[in-house]
Amino acid sequence: MADKTQANSPAPGDGLIRAGGIVFIIGAVATLVTVAPLFLGIEAFPTYMFVLSMLMGVGFLMAGAGVLRSAAAGRRQARTAGE
């Protein structure tokens, strides 16, 4: 039986990977902005900037969950193709 999935169609975890990448980049920029006062000798930023820095870890976890979901779908597809 031929596979009916298009080659360029999104896999089950692709959306999570993209969203996780965007959230990670936002968190990385917030981390750089938060650390900048240490090197520039200016007053520290408010607490919400430190909270935004935590988005880097959240984005990493989201992307990791997307990779695991995509791998699970690939295993499922390989298992059904082998039967």
Protein backbone atom coordinates (compact mmCIF):
# COMPACT_ATOMS: atom_id res chain seq x y z
CA MET A 1 0.00 0.00 0.00
CA ALA A 2 1.46 3.36 -1.02
CA ASP A 3 1.87 6.13 1.54
CA LYS A 4 -0.66 8.90 0.87
CA THR A 5 1.17 11.60 2.84
CA GLN A 6 2.74 14.37 0.77
CA ALA A 7 6.50 14.79 1.17
CA ASN A 8 6.20 18.42 2.24
CA SER A 9 3.17 18.08 4.53
CA PRO A 10 3.74 19.01 8.18
CA ALA A 11 4.49 16.16 10.56
CA PRO A 12 2.62 15.88 13.89
CA GLY A 13 5.32 17.68 15.93
CA ASP A 14 6.31 20.40 13.46
CA GLY A 15 4.08 23.08 14.98
CA LEU A 16 5.48 22.49 18.45
CA ILE A 17 9.04 22.65 17.14
CA ARG A 18 8.42 25.97 15.38
CA ALA A 19 6.60 27.49 18.34
CA GLY A 20 9.31 26.26 20.71
CA GLY A 21 11.98 27.83 18.53
CA ILE A 22 10.21 31.19 18.56
CA VAL A 23 9.68 31.10 22.33
CA PHE A 24 13.33 30.09 22.80
CA ILE A 25 14.54 33.05 20.72
CA ILE A 26 12.34 35.46 22.69
CA GLY A 27 13.77 34.04 25.93
CA ALA A 28 17.33 34.28 24.62
CA VAL A 29 16.88 37.95 23.72
CA ALA A 30 15.34 38.63 27.13
CA THR A 31 18.30 36.89 28.77
CA LEU A 32 20.77 39.05 26.85
CA VAL A 33 18.86 42.19 27.81
CA THR A 34 18.73 41.08 31.45
CA VAL A 35 22.47 40.38 31.61
CA ALA A 36 23.48 43.58 29.76
CA PRO A 37 23.36 45.83 32.88
CA LEU A 38 26.06 43.70 34.50
CA PHE A 39 28.48 44.62 31.73
CA LEU A 40 27.28 48.16 31.05
CA GLY A 41 27.19 49.27 34.67
CA ILE A 42 23.60 50.53 34.53
CA GLU A 43 20.66 49.91 36.83
CA ALA A 44 19.15 46.42 36.70
CA PHE A 45 15.90 45.78 34.86
CA PRO A 46 12.62 45.01 36.65
CA THR A 47 11.66 41.52 37.75
CA TYR A 48 9.48 40.81 34.73
CA MET A 49 12.60 40.70 32.55
CA PHE A 50 13.95 37.84 34.64
CA VAL A 51 10.62 36.04 34.21
CA LEU A 52 10.84 36.55 30.44
CA SER A 53 14.30 34.98 30.54
CA MET A 54 12.66 31.75 31.69
CA LEU A 55 10.98 31.51 28.28
CA MET A 56 14.25 30.16 26.90
CA GLY A 57 13.81 26.95 28.90
CA VAL A 58 10.12 26.77 28.11
CA GLY A 59 10.85 27.05 24.38
CA PHE A 60 13.49 24.35 24.63
CA LEU A 61 11.01 22.01 26.33
CA MET A 62 8.32 22.78 23.73
CA ALA A 63 10.69 22.02 20.85
CA GLY A 64 11.83 18.83 22.59
CA ALA A 65 8.22 17.72 23.00
CA GLY A 66 7.67 18.37 19.29
CA VAL A 67 10.69 16.25 18.38
CA LEU A 68 9.46 13.40 20.58
CA ARG A 69 5.96 13.65 19.09
CA SER A 70 7.38 13.60 15.56
CA ALA A 71 9.58 10.60 16.38
CA ALA A 72 6.63 8.73 17.86
CA ALA A 73 4.57 9.39 14.73
CA GLY A 74 7.45 8.14 12.57
CA ARG A 75 7.72 4.95 14.61
CA ARG A 76 3.96 4.43 14.36
CA GLN A 77 4.09 4.94 10.59
CA ALA A 78 7.02 2.52 10.22
CA ARG A 79 5.25 -0.05 12.34
CA THR A 80 2.09 0.08 10.23
CA ALA A 81 4.12 -0.03 6.99
CA GLY A 82 5.89 -3.18 8.17
CA GLU A 83 2.65 -5.06 8.76
